[in-house]
C-alpha atoms as a PDB file:
ATOM      1  CA  MET A   1      92.556 112.520 101.005  1.00  0.00           C
ATOM      2  CA  VAL A   2      94.288 112.918 104.321  1.00  0.00           C
ATOM      3  CA  GLY A   3      96.558 115.573 103.154  1.00  0.00           C
ATOM      4  CA  MET A   4      93.128 117.419 101.011  1.00  0.00           C
ATOM      5  CA  THR A   5      91.496 117.246 105.153  1.00  0.00           C
ATOM      6  CA  MET A   6      94.450 118.473 106.809  1.00  0.00           C
ATOM      7  CA  ALA A   7      95.009 121.164 104.434  1.00  0.00           C
ATOM      8  CA  HIS A   8      90.871 122.112 104.692  1.00  0.00           C
ATOM      9  CA  LEU A   9      91.362 121.912 108.719  1.00  0.00           C
ATOM     10  CA  LEU A  10      94.586 124.341 108.764  1.00  0.00           C
ATOM     11  CA  ARG A  11      92.803 126.718 106.982  1.00  0.00           C
ATOM     12  CA  ARG A  12      89.500 126.811 108.952  1.00  0.00           C
ATOM     13  CA  ARG A  13      92.436 127.679 111.467  1.00  0.00           C
ATOM     14  CA  GLY A  14      93.193 130.684 109.760  1.00  0.00           C
ATOM     15  CA  PHE A  15      96.434 129.000 108.195  1.00  0.00           C
ATOM     16  CA  GLU A  16      97.433 129.207 105.062  1.00  0.00           C
ATOM     17  CA  PRO A  17      98.863 125.763 103.549  1.00  0.00           C
ATOM     18  CA  ILE A  18     100.770 124.794 100.447  1.00  0.00           C
ATOM     19  CA  VAL A  19      99.632 121.513  99.317  1.00  0.00           C
ATOM     20  CA  LEU A  20     101.637 119.132  97.004  1.00  0.00           C
ATOM     21  CA  GLU A  21     100.305 116.405  95.082  1.00  0.00           C
ATOM     22  CA  ARG A  22     102.379 114.184  92.780  1.00  0.00           C
ATOM     23  CA  MET A  23      99.287 113.643  90.441  1.00  0.00           C
ATOM     24  CA  PRO A  24      98.004 115.616  87.486  1.00  0.00           C
ATOM     25  CA  ALA A  25      95.106 117.423  88.849  1.00  0.00           C
ATOM     26  CA  GLY A  26      91.684 115.682  88.721  1.00  0.00           C
ATOM     27  CA  HIS A  27      93.479 112.143  88.802  1.00  0.00           C
ATOM     28  CA  TYR A  28      93.171 109.767  91.136  1.00  0.00           C
ATOM     29  CA  ILE A  29      93.670 105.758  91.531  1.00  0.00           C
ATOM     30  CA  PRO A  30      89.552 104.287  91.201  1.00  0.00           C
ATOM     31  CA  ARG A  31      88.452 102.075  93.943  1.00  0.00           C
ATOM     32  CA  GLY A  32      85.706 101.384  96.257  1.00  0.00           C
ATOM     33  CA  TYR A  33      85.946 103.163  99.511  1.00  0.00           C
ATOM     34  CA  MET A  34      84.877 102.689 103.048  1.00  0.00           C
ATOM     35  CA  LEU A  35      84.239 105.839 105.427  1.00  0.00           C
ATOM     36  CA  GLY A  36      84.882 104.482 108.884  1.00  0.00           C
ATOM     37  CA  PHE A  37      82.986 106.851 112.008  1.00  0.00           C
ATOM     38  CA  GLN A  38      86.254 107.961 113.087  1.00  0.00           C
ATOM     39  CA  GLY A  39      86.139 109.508 109.746  1.00  0.00           C
ATOM     40  CA  TYR A  40      83.077 111.803 110.239  1.00  0.00           C
ATOM     41  CA  GLU A  41      83.785 114.575 112.400  1.00  0.00           C
ATOM     42  CA  PRO A  42      86.889 115.625 110.433  1.00  0.00           C
ATOM     43  CA  LEU A  43      84.952 115.561 107.426  1.00  0.00           C
ATOM     44  CA  GLU A  44      81.732 117.116 108.862  1.00  0.00           C
ATOM     45  CA  GLU A  45      84.215 120.060 110.037  1.00  0.00           C
ATOM     46  CA  VAL A  46      85.728 120.647 106.305  1.00  0.00           C
ATOM     47  CA  GLY A  47      81.876 120.721 104.860  1.00  0.00           C
ATOM     48  CA  VAL A  48      81.902 117.390 102.996  1.00  0.00           C
ATOM     49  CA  TYR A  49      80.204 114.345 105.433  1.00  0.00           C
ATOM     50  CA  GLN A  50      76.858 114.741 103.992  1.00  0.00           C
ATOM     51  CA  GLU A  51      77.363 115.260 100.302  1.00  0.00           C
ATOM     52  CA  VAL A  52      79.716 112.117 100.809  1.00  0.00           C
ATOM     53  CA  ARG A  53      77.247 110.538 102.933  1.00  0.00           C
ATOM     54  CA  ASP A  54      74.300 111.298 100.330  1.00  0.00           C
ATOM     55  CA  ALA A  55      76.212 109.797  96.999  1.00  0.00           C
ATOM     56  CA  GLY A  56      77.460 106.567  99.543  1.00  0.00           C
ATOM     57  CA  ARG A  57      76.006 103.485 101.175  1.00  0.00           C
ATOM     58  CA  PRO A  58      75.275 102.984 104.568  1.00  0.00           C
ATOM     59  CA  ILE A  59      77.414 100.228 106.400  1.00  0.00           C
ATOM     60  CA  ALA A  60      75.176  98.828 109.153  1.00  0.00           C
ATOM     61  CA  PRO A  61      72.709 101.603 109.678  1.00  0.00           C
ATOM     62  CA  ARG A  62      71.441 102.470 113.223  1.00  0.00           C
ATOM     63  CA  PRO A  63      67.899 103.585 114.108  1.00  0.00           C
ATOM     64  CA  ASP A  64      68.245 107.484 114.626  1.00  0.00           C
ATOM     65  CA  GLN A  65      72.072 107.193 114.694  1.00  0.00           C
ATOM     66  CA  PRO A  66      75.332 107.555 111.740  1.00  0.00           C
ATOM     67  CA  PRO A  67      75.761 104.500 109.843  1.00  0.00           C
ATOM     68  CA  VAL A  68      78.835 102.281 111.239  1.00  0.00           C
ATOM     69  CA  ALA A  69      80.234 103.295 107.822  1.00  0.00           C
ATOM     70  CA  VAL A  70      79.676 104.319 104.160  1.00  0.00           C
ATOM     71  CA  ALA A  71      80.584 102.600 100.619  1.00  0.00           C
ATOM     72  CA  VAL A  72      81.174 105.293  98.342  1.00  0.00           C
ATOM     73  CA  ARG A  73      82.800 105.947  95.201  1.00  0.00           C
ATOM     74  CA  PHE A  74      86.535 107.048  96.323  1.00  0.00           C
ATOM     75  CA  GLY A  75      86.301 109.878  93.422  1.00  0.00           C
ATOM     76  CA  ALA A  76      83.075 111.520  95.216  1.00  0.00           C
ATOM     77  CA  LEU A  77      85.267 111.830  98.282  1.00  0.00           C
ATOM     78  CA  ILE A  78      88.157 113.506  96.475  1.00  0.00           C
ATOM     79  CA  GLU A  79      85.990 115.462  94.160  1.00  0.00           C
ATOM     80  CA  ALA A  80      84.459 116.946  97.192  1.00  0.00           C
ATOM     81  CA  LEU A  81      87.714 118.006  98.732  1.00  0.00           C
ATOM     82  CA  GLN A  82      89.599 118.907  95.817  1.00  0.00           C
ATOM     83  CA  LYS A  83      86.350 122.056  95.640  1.00  0.00           C
ATOM     84  CA  ASP A  84      88.282 125.244  96.607  1.00  0.00           C
ATOM     85  CA  LEU A  85      91.493 124.354  97.772  1.00  0.00           C
ATOM     86  CA  PRO A  86      95.016 125.356  96.143  1.00  0.00           C
ATOM     87  CA  ILE A  87      96.908 122.654  95.072  1.00  0.00           C
ATOM     88  CA  HIS A  88     100.045 122.216  93.403  1.00  0.00           C
ATOM     89  CA  ASN A  89      99.396 119.307  91.358  1.00  0.00           C
ATOM     90  CA  GLU A  90     102.550 117.275  89.638  1.00  0.00           C
ATOM     91  CA  HIS A  91     104.780 118.146  92.562  1.00  0.00           C
ATOM     92  CA  THR A  92     106.757 115.386  94.371  1.00  0.00           C
ATOM     93  CA  VAL A  93     109.060 116.065  96.987  1.00  0.00           C
ATOM     94  CA  LYS A  94     112.193 115.062  96.267  1.00  0.00           C
ATOM     95  CA  GLU A  95     114.623 116.447  99.237  1.00  0.00           C
ATOM     96  CA  LEU A  96     114.436 117.869 102.468  1.00  0.00           C
ATOM     97  CA  VAL A  97     115.494 120.898 103.367  1.00  0.00           C
ATOM     98  CA  LYS A  98     117.265 121.403 107.108  1.00  0.00           C
ATOM     99  CA  ASP A  99     118.728 124.215 109.133  1.00  0.00           C
ATOM    100  CA  ASP A 100     122.521 124.458 110.907  1.00  0.00           C
ATOM    101  CA  ILE A 101     120.752 122.354 113.682  1.00  0.00           C
ATOM    102  CA  ASP A 102     118.634 119.743 111.712  1.00  0.00           C
ATOM    103  CA  ARG A 103     115.844 120.962 111.412  1.00  0.00           C
ATOM    104  CA  VAL A 104     113.366 120.523 108.642  1.00  0.00           C
ATOM    105  CA  VAL A 105     112.789 123.621 107.296  1.00  0.00           C
ATOM    106  CA  GLY A 106     111.099 122.855 104.038  1.00  0.00           C
ATOM    107  CA  VAL A 107     111.262 120.933 100.565  1.00  0.00           C
ATOM    108  CA  VAL A 108     112.582 120.907  97.286  1.00  0.00           C
ATOM    109  CA  ALA A 109     109.862 119.638  94.887  1.00  0.00           C
ATOM    110  CA  GLU A 110     109.912 118.164  91.543  1.00  0.00           C
ATOM    111  CA  SER A 111     107.838 119.927  89.062  1.00  0.00           C
ATOM    112  CA  PRO A 112     106.801 120.219  85.421  1.00  0.00           C
ATOM    113  CA  ASP A 113     108.665 123.661  85.443  1.00  0.00           C
ATOM    114  CA  GLY A 114     112.069 122.234  87.296  1.00  0.00           C
ATOM    115  CA  ASP A 115     112.920 122.137  90.764  1.00  0.00           C
ATOM    116  CA  VAL A 116     111.454 124.438  93.477  1.00  0.00           C
ATOM    117  CA  THR A 117     112.345 125.016  96.936  1.00  0.00           C
ATOM    118  CA  MET A 118     109.843 125.789  99.286  1.00  0.00           C
ATOM    119  CA  GLU A 119     110.029 127.071 102.808  1.00  0.00           C
ATOM    120  CA  ALA A 120     107.752 125.438 105.807  1.00  0.00           C
ATOM    121  CA  ASP A 121     107.904 125.974 109.741  1.00  0.00           C
ATOM    122  CA  LEU A 122     106.183 122.431 109.172  1.00  0.00           C
ATOM    123  CA  VAL A 123     106.564 119.624 106.892  1.00  0.00           C
ATOM    124  CA  ILE A 124     103.587 117.122 107.284  1.00  0.00           C
ATOM    125  CA  ALA A 125     103.735 114.007 105.729  1.00  0.00           C
ATOM    126  CA  CYS A 126     100.680 112.150 104.261  1.00  0.00           C
ATOM    127  CA  ASP A 127     102.402 109.745 100.956  1.00  0.00           C
ATOM    128  CA  GLY A 128     101.318 106.525 101.652  1.00  0.00           C
ATOM    129  CA  THR A 129     102.834 103.834 103.086  1.00  0.00           C
ATOM    130  CA  ARG A 130     106.009 104.101 101.366  1.00  0.00           C
ATOM    131  CA  SER A 131     105.899 107.598 102.173  1.00  0.00           C
ATOM    132  CA  PRO A 132     109.489 108.788 100.345  1.00  0.00           C
ATOM    133  CA  VAL A 133     109.207 111.924 102.803  1.00  0.00           C
ATOM    134  CA  ARG A 134     109.308 109.334 105.942  1.00  0.00           C
ATOM    135  CA  GLU A 135     112.623 108.091 104.825  1.00  0.00           C
ATOM    136  CA  MET A 136     114.139 111.272 103.718  1.00  0.00           C
ATOM    137  CA  ALA A 137     113.524 112.087 107.238  1.00  0.00           C
ATOM    138  CA  GLY A 138     114.765 109.162 108.850  1.00  0.00           C
ATOM    139  CA  PHE A 139     111.938 107.420 110.950  1.00  0.00           C
ATOM    140  CA  GLU A 140     111.813 103.909 111.824  1.00  0.00           C
ATOM    141  CA  ALA A 141     109.023 101.966 109.902  1.00  0.00           C
ATOM    142  CA  ASP A 142     108.406  98.378 111.279  1.00  0.00           C
ATOM    143  CA  ILE A 143     106.776  96.392 108.039  1.00  0.00           C
ATOM    144  CA  ASP A 144     105.219  93.594 108.900  1.00  0.00           C
ATOM    145  CA  VAL A 145     104.138  91.157 106.197  1.00  0.00           C
ATOM    146  CA  LEU A 146     101.385  89.298 106.142  1.00  0.00           C
ATOM    147  CA  PRO A 147     101.437  85.492 105.528  1.00  0.00           C
ATOM    148  CA  GLU A 148      98.669  85.503 102.757  1.00  0.00           C
ATOM    149  CA  ALA A 149      98.164  87.397 100.122  1.00  0.00           C
ATOM    150  CA  ALA A 150      95.390  89.735  98.535  1.00  0.00           C
ATOM    151  CA  LEU A 151      93.610  88.592  95.557  1.00  0.00           C
ATOM    152  CA  ALA A 152      90.741  91.652  94.696  1.00  0.00           C
ATOM    153  CA  PHE A 153      88.119  92.258  91.908  1.00  0.00           C
ATOM    154  CA  MET A 154      86.535  95.453  90.749  1.00  0.00           C
ATOM    155  CA  SER A 155      83.472  95.464  89.252  1.00  0.00           C
ATOM    156  CA  PRO A 156      80.894  98.321  87.360  1.00  0.00           C
ATOM    157  CA  LYS A 157      78.058  96.981  88.782  1.00  0.00           C
ATOM    158  CA  PRO A 158      76.837  97.546  92.302  1.00  0.00           C
ATOM    159  CA  ALA A 159      75.907  94.211  94.894  1.00  0.00           C
ATOM    160  CA  ASP A 160      72.680  93.349  96.568  1.00  0.00           C
ATOM    161  CA  THR A 161      74.228  94.691  99.865  1.00  0.00           C
ATOM    162  CA  SER A 162      76.976  97.174 100.959  1.00  0.00           C
ATOM    163  CA  PHE A 163      79.253  94.978 102.646  1.00  0.00           C
ATOM    164  CA  ALA A 164      79.454  91.187 103.402  1.00  0.00           C
ATOM    165  CA  MET A 165      82.726  89.022 105.113  1.00  0.00           C
ATOM    166  CA  ASP A 166      83.331  85.891 105.963  1.00  0.00           C
ATOM    167  CA  TYR A 167      86.198  84.297 107.394  1.00  0.00           C
ATOM    168  CA  MET A 168      88.153  81.068 106.215  1.00  0.00           C
ATOM    169  CA  SER A 169      88.910  77.795 108.293  1.00  0.00           C
ATOM    170  CA  ASP A 170      92.383  78.742 108.351  1.00  0.00           C
ATOM    171  CA  GLY A 171      91.469  82.076 109.719  1.00  0.00           C
ATOM    172  CA  GLY A 172      91.672  83.895 106.194  1.00  0.00           C
ATOM    173  CA  HIS A 173      89.018  86.118 105.149  1.00  0.00           C
ATOM    174  CA  ILE A 174      86.752  86.703 101.682  1.00  0.00           C
ATOM    175  CA  GLY A 175      84.590  90.434 101.662  1.00  0.00           C
ATOM    176  CA  LEU A 176      82.315  92.301  99.495  1.00  0.00           C
ATOM    177  CA  LEU A 177      82.291  96.806  99.391  1.00  0.00           C
ATOM    178  CA  SER A 178      79.873  97.568  97.241  1.00  0.00           C
ATOM    179  CA  TRP A 179      78.812 101.630  96.295  1.00  0.00           C
ATOM    180  CA  HIS A 180      75.544 102.929  94.102  1.00  0.00           C
ATOM    181  CA  GLU A 181      78.787 102.703  91.162  1.00  0.00           C
ATOM    182  CA  GLY A 182      79.643  99.351  91.858  1.00  0.00           C
ATOM    183  CA  SER A 183      81.410  96.943  93.786  1.00  0.00           C
ATOM    184  CA  ALA A 184      84.975  95.325  94.962  1.00  0.00           C
ATOM    185  CA  GLY A 185      85.954  92.114  96.501  1.00  0.00           C
ATOM    186  CA  TRP A 186      89.014  90.603  98.516  1.00  0.00           C
ATOM    187  CA  ARG A 187      89.970  87.083  99.919  1.00  0.00           C
ATOM    188  CA  SER A 188      93.314  85.982 101.476  1.00  0.00           C
ATOM    189  CA  CYS A 189      95.149  83.611  99.675  1.00  0.00           C
ATOM    190  CA  ALA A 190      98.588  81.800  99.327  1.00  0.00           C
ATOM    191  CA  ARG A 191     101.252  83.720  98.755  1.00  0.00           C
ATOM    192  CA  VAL A 192     102.007  82.520  95.374  1.00  0.00           C
ATOM    193  CA  GLY A 193     102.945  85.178  93.235  1.00  0.00           C
ATOM    194  CA  GLU A 194     100.841  86.769  90.364  1.00  0.00           C
ATOM    195  CA  GLU A 195     101.467  84.886  87.916  1.00  0.00           C
ATOM    196  CA  ALA A 196     100.593  81.192  89.757  1.00  0.00           C
ATOM    197  CA  ALA A 197      97.277  83.371  91.369  1.00  0.00           C
ATOM    198  CA  LEU A 198      95.834  84.811  88.028  1.00  0.00           C
ATOM    199  CA  ALA A 199      96.246  81.559  86.518  1.00  0.00           C
ATOM    200  CA  PRO A 200      93.052  79.599  86.894  1.00  0.00           C
ATOM    201  CA  GLY A 201      91.237  82.415  84.996  1.00  0.00           C
ATOM    202  CA  LEU A 202      88.034  84.082  85.255  1.00  0.00           C
ATOM    203  CA  ASP A 203      85.405  81.632  85.462  1.00  0.00           C
ATOM    204  CA  ALA A 204      87.446  79.851  87.994  1.00  0.00           C
ATOM    205  CA  VAL A 205      87.640  83.209  90.145  1.00  0.00           C
ATOM    206  CA  LYS A 206      83.641  84.222  89.852  1.00  0.00           C
ATOM    207  CA  GLU A 207      82.835  80.767  91.097  1.00  0.00           C
ATOM    208  CA  MET A 208      84.789  80.449  93.397  1.00  0.00           C
ATOM    209  CA  TRP A 209      83.658  83.603  94.472  1.00  0.00           C
ATOM    210  CA  ALA A 210      79.620  82.774  94.181  1.00  0.00           C
ATOM    211  CA  ARG A 211      80.506  80.375  96.055  1.00  0.00           C
ATOM    212  CA  LEU A 212      82.172  81.183  99.239  1.00  0.00           C
ATOM    213  CA  LEU A 213      80.616  84.676  99.567  1.00  0.00           C
ATOM    214  CA  PRO A 214      76.782  84.275  98.027  1.00  0.00           C
ATOM    215  CA  ALA A 215      76.570  88.021  98.345  1.00  0.00           C
ATOM    216  CA  SER A 216      78.811  88.686  95.924  1.00  0.00           C
ATOM    217  CA  LYS A 217      76.790  87.299  92.871  1.00  0.00           C
ATOM    218  CA  SER A 218      75.711  90.304  91.745  1.00  0.00           C
ATOM    219  CA  ALA A 219      78.575  92.164  91.405  1.00  0.00           C
ATOM    220  CA  LEU A 220      80.438  89.278  89.942  1.00  0.00           C
ATOM    221  CA  GLU A 221      78.434  89.819  86.678  1.00  0.00           C
ATOM    222  CA  GLY A 222      79.868  92.863  85.746  1.00  0.00           C
ATOM    223  CA  VAL A 223      83.740  91.141  85.979  1.00  0.00           C
ATOM    224  CA  THR A 224      84.289  90.032  82.373  1.00  0.00           C
ATOM    225  CA  SER A 225      87.833  90.060  82.020  1.00  0.00           C
ATOM    226  CA  MET A 226      91.205  89.442  84.529  1.00  0.00           C
ATOM    227  CA  ASP A 227      91.856  92.835  84.108  1.00  0.00           C
ATOM    228  CA  GLN A 228      89.231  93.783  87.142  1.00  0.00           C
ATOM    229  CA  VAL A 229      91.271  91.252  88.885  1.00  0.00           C
ATOM    230  CA  ARG A 230      94.163  92.052  90.956  1.00  0.00           C
ATOM    231  CA  TYR A 231      96.770  90.143  92.921  1.00  0.00           C
ATOM    232  CA  SER A 232      98.859  91.966  95.979  1.00  0.00           C
ATOM    233  CA  GLU A 233     101.128  90.966  98.614  1.00  0.00           C
ATOM    234  CA  PRO A 234     100.376  93.472 101.548  1.00  0.00           C
ATOM    235  CA  ALA A 235     102.058  94.167 105.113  1.00  0.00           C
ATOM    236  CA  LEU A 236     100.841  95.802 107.623  1.00  0.00           C
ATOM    237  CA  LEU A 237     103.293  99.263 109.059  1.00  0.00           C
ATOM    238  CA  ARG A 238     103.759 100.842 112.044  1.00  0.00           C
ATOM    239  CA  CYS A 239     105.881 103.726 113.425  1.00  0.00           C
ATOM    240  CA  PRO A 240     107.465 103.764 116.810  1.00  0.00           C
ATOM    241  CA  GLU A 241     107.455 107.807 116.127  1.00  0.00           C
ATOM    242  CA  TRP A 242     105.242 110.061 113.858  1.00  0.00           C
ATOM    243  CA  TRP A 243     107.764 113.663 114.617  1.00  0.00           C
ATOM    244  CA  LYS A 244     110.757 114.715 114.557  1.00  0.00           C
ATOM    245  CA  PRO A 245     111.754 118.673 114.394  1.00  0.00           C
ATOM    246  CA  GLY A 246     110.132 120.273 111.446  1.00  0.00           C
ATOM    247  CA  VAL A 247     107.956 117.024 109.915  1.00  0.00           C
ATOM    248  CA  VAL A 248     105.278 114.806 111.108  1.00  0.00           C
ATOM    249  CA  ILE A 249     103.878 111.925 109.444  1.00  0.00           C
ATOM    250  CA  ILE A 250     100.483 111.094 109.687  1.00  0.00           C
ATOM    251  CA  GLY A 251      97.915 108.532 107.886  1.00  0.00           C
ATOM    252  CA  ASP A 252      98.921 105.818 106.112  1.00  0.00           C
ATOM    253  CA  ALA A 253     102.926 107.555 105.928  1.00  0.00           C
ATOM    254  CA  ALA A 254     102.607 106.455 109.972  1.00  0.00           C
ATOM    255  CA  HIS A 255     100.283 103.768 110.255  1.00  0.00           C
ATOM    256  CA  PHE A 256      98.680 100.806 107.829  1.00  0.00           C
ATOM    257  CA  PHE A 257      96.011  98.002 109.025  1.00  0.00           C
ATOM    258  CA  GLY A 258      94.884  95.356 107.544  1.00  0.00           C
ATOM    259  CA  PRO A 259      91.127  95.403 105.734  1.00  0.00           C
ATOM    260  CA  GLU A 260      89.706  93.277 108.468  1.00  0.00           C
ATOM    261  CA  THR A 261      89.838  96.352 110.591  1.00  0.00           C
ATOM    262  CA  GLY A 262      88.390  99.164 108.340  1.00  0.00           C
ATOM    263  CA  VAL A 263      89.997 101.676 109.911  1.00  0.00           C
ATOM    264  CA  SER A 264      92.892 102.982 108.180  1.00  0.00           C
ATOM    265  CA  SER A 265      91.322 105.653 106.518  1.00  0.00           C
ATOM    266  CA  GLY A 266      89.086 106.596 109.101  1.00  0.00           C
ATOM    267  CA  ILE A 267      92.644 106.489 111.515  1.00  0.00           C
ATOM    268  CA  GLY A 268      94.186 109.205 109.121  1.00  0.00           C
ATOM    269  CA  LEU A 269      90.931 111.308 108.762  1.00  0.00           C
ATOM    270  CA  GLY A 270      91.482 111.121 112.987  1.00  0.00           C
ATOM    271  CA  ASP A 271      94.909 112.424 112.020  1.00  0.00           C
ATOM    272  CA  ALA A 272      94.196 115.408 110.457  1.00  0.00           C
ATOM    273  CA  HIS A 273      91.776 116.469 113.062  1.00  0.00           C
ATOM    274  CA  ALA A 274      94.321 115.856 115.932  1.00  0.00           C
ATOM    275  CA  LEU A 275      97.534 117.865 113.957  1.00  0.00           C
ATOM    276  CA  ALA A 276      94.845 120.559 113.038  1.00  0.00           C
ATOM    277  CA  GLU A 277      93.971 121.231 116.228  1.00  0.00           C
ATOM    278  CA  ALA A 278      96.988 121.311 118.610  1.00  0.00           C
ATOM    279  CA  LEU A 279      98.359 123.321 116.038  1.00  0.00           C
ATOM    280  CA  SER A 280      95.918 126.193 116.787  1.00  0.00           C
ATOM    281  CA  GLN A 281      96.736 125.395 120.003  1.00  0.00           C
ATOM    282  CA  ASN A 282     100.691 125.956 119.071  1.00  0.00           C
ATOM    283  CA  ARG A 283     100.274 128.623 116.180  1.00  0.00           C
ATOM    284  CA  ASP A 284     104.015 129.845 117.606  1.00  0.00           C
ATOM    285  CA  ASP A 285     105.538 126.136 117.991  1.00  0.00           C
ATOM    286  CA  PRO A 286     104.682 123.634 115.481  1.00  0.00           C
ATOM    287  CA  ASP A 287     107.248 120.997 117.307  1.00  0.00           C
ATOM    288  CA  ALA A 288     105.126 121.800 120.904  1.00  0.00           C
ATOM    289  CA  ALA A 289     102.465 120.835 118.397  1.00  0.00           C
ATOM    290  CA  CYS A 290     103.627 117.401 117.301  1.00  0.00           C
ATOM    291  CA  HIS A 291     104.864 116.414 121.216  1.00  0.00           C
ATOM    292  CA  LEU A 292     101.124 117.400 121.872  1.00  0.00           C
ATOM    293  CA  TYR A 293      99.706 115.451 119.004  1.00  0.00           C
ATOM    294  CA  GLU A 294     101.553 112.307 119.592  1.00  0.00           C
ATOM    295  CA  MET A 295     100.386 112.196 123.139  1.00  0.00           C
ATOM    296  CA  TRP A 296      96.681 112.436 122.077  1.00  0.00           C
ATOM    297  CA  ARG A 297      96.955 110.291 119.006  1.00  0.00           C
ATOM    298  CA  MET A 298      99.066 107.371 120.295  1.00  0.00           C
ATOM    299  CA  PRO A 299      96.447 105.687 122.666  1.00  0.00           C
ATOM    300  CA  ALA A 300      94.184 106.037 120.120  1.00  0.00           C
ATOM    301  CA  VAL A 301      96.022 104.319 117.212  1.00  0.00           C
ATOM    302  CA  ARG A 302      98.007 101.948 118.869  1.00  0.00           C
ATOM    303  CA  PRO A 303      95.314  99.657 120.290  1.00  0.00           C
ATOM    304  CA  TYR A 304      94.642  99.077 116.462  1.00  0.00           C
ATOM    305  CA  GLU A 305      98.215  98.696 115.904  1.00  0.00           C
ATOM    306  CA  ALA A 306      98.311  95.861 118.252  1.00  0.00           C
ATOM    307  CA  ASN A 307      95.124  93.951 118.077  1.00  0.00           C
ATOM    308  CA  ASP A 308      94.877  93.722 114.087  1.00  0.00           C
ATOM    309  CA  PRO A 309      94.015  90.220 112.928  1.00  0.00           C
ATOM    310  CA  GLY A 310      96.558  90.340 110.690  1.00  0.00           C
ATOM    311  CA  ARG A 311      98.931  90.454 113.582  1.00  0.00           C
ATOM    312  CA  GLN A 312      97.438  87.694 115.171  1.00  0.00           C
ATOM    313  CA  ARG A 313      97.684  85.211 111.903  1.00  0.00           C
ATOM    314  CA  ILE A 314     101.462  86.409 111.327  1.00  0.00           C
ATOM    315  CA  LEU A 315     101.698  84.649 115.056  1.00  0.00           C
ATOM    316  CA  VAL A 316     100.146  81.031 114.229  1.00  0.00           C
ATOM    317  CA  ALA A 317     101.248  81.270 110.150  1.00  0.00           C
ATOM    318  CA  ASP A 318     101.118  77.956 108.829  1.00  0.00           C
ATOM    319  CA  SER A 319      99.838  76.455 111.816  1.00  0.00           C
ATOM    320  CA  VAL A 320      96.053  75.379 110.700  1.00  0.00           C
ATOM    321  CA  GLN A 321      95.215  74.858 106.582  1.00  0.00           C
ATOM    322  CA  ALA A 322      92.112  76.229 104.858  1.00  0.00           C
ATOM    323  CA  LYS A 323      89.460  73.428 104.013  1.00  0.00           C
ATOM    324  CA  PRO A 324      90.433  72.298 100.203  1.00  0.00           C
ATOM    325  CA  GLU A 325      87.160  74.245  98.624  1.00  0.00           C
ATOM    326  CA  GLU A 326      88.302  77.084 100.426  1.00  0.00           C
ATOM    327  CA  ARG A 327      92.028  76.937  99.275  1.00  0.00           C
ATOM    328  CA  TRP A 328      93.173  79.320  95.924  1.00  0.00           C
ATOM    329  CA  PRO A 329      94.805  79.072  93.982  1.00  0.00           C
ATOM    330  CA  PRO A 330      93.057  75.718  93.649  1.00  0.00           C
ATOM    331  CA  GLU A 331      94.965  72.257  94.052  1.00  0.00           C
ATOM    332  CA  ALA A 332      95.107  70.005  90.801  1.00  0.00           C
END
């Protein structure tokens, strides 16, 4: 998503980026998506904002103003961004090419036809929180493991509201996101591992969710199998620097926030917008553009990192216990 937006913004400024995508054409991981207001401007410039807005449900609509966010099927955004954009699908970067002064000047990518070497004035890595390019380039990454795990569900049935969230007695949270074609719910829970977290079974999961977050009841009608329930152990990501000569990391490769902030994707789209403009102003010096990009974006991103509610819970972990009726998995 961020990479395709980046490519569109660069093309509008007269550049011809090469887009590498490891997934086959048209493939993406289905999920709900919350487009925060931070992403509106770059998508408006690309020309897909209104299409995505019309396909989604507003969150916190305001009179005569855009909504604070839009809940939409993730595929609606991906499909809009893929239009008229040349993409090298099934290409995975496996090596960074450097010159004799250690500047990145290209990549070696694995493709269906074998390895291919591509020269580049600048490698822009937007390959997710586990970013292989970030590791290849040697960027330091501060990964803060949250004190809790996450339980989530996906449902093909929309809820009555586009968004709902509540906090529990230990500072944990439970929430719901709903778009026209379905819904997703999430809640914090004990880090007990997947087997123990899913052991109570489908009926227990649905009863708990409906009791703690009544707004999710209509969405839960579409949850008919434990295959729709997922356990994960998320972490927060922060990188002290985002740029080295010839390579820059943006979006989830550079920073990742907890679900309560609702800003990860919007911030990533803002990264793309700022970097595209910095490159436009420094067309012959991409490293100078990256330096300018860091100066612009750090004041915008660092406060979100510092004030993420997940980081605050790390500081007080185990000092407060949830009420018995809120705990998951439930006590025997």
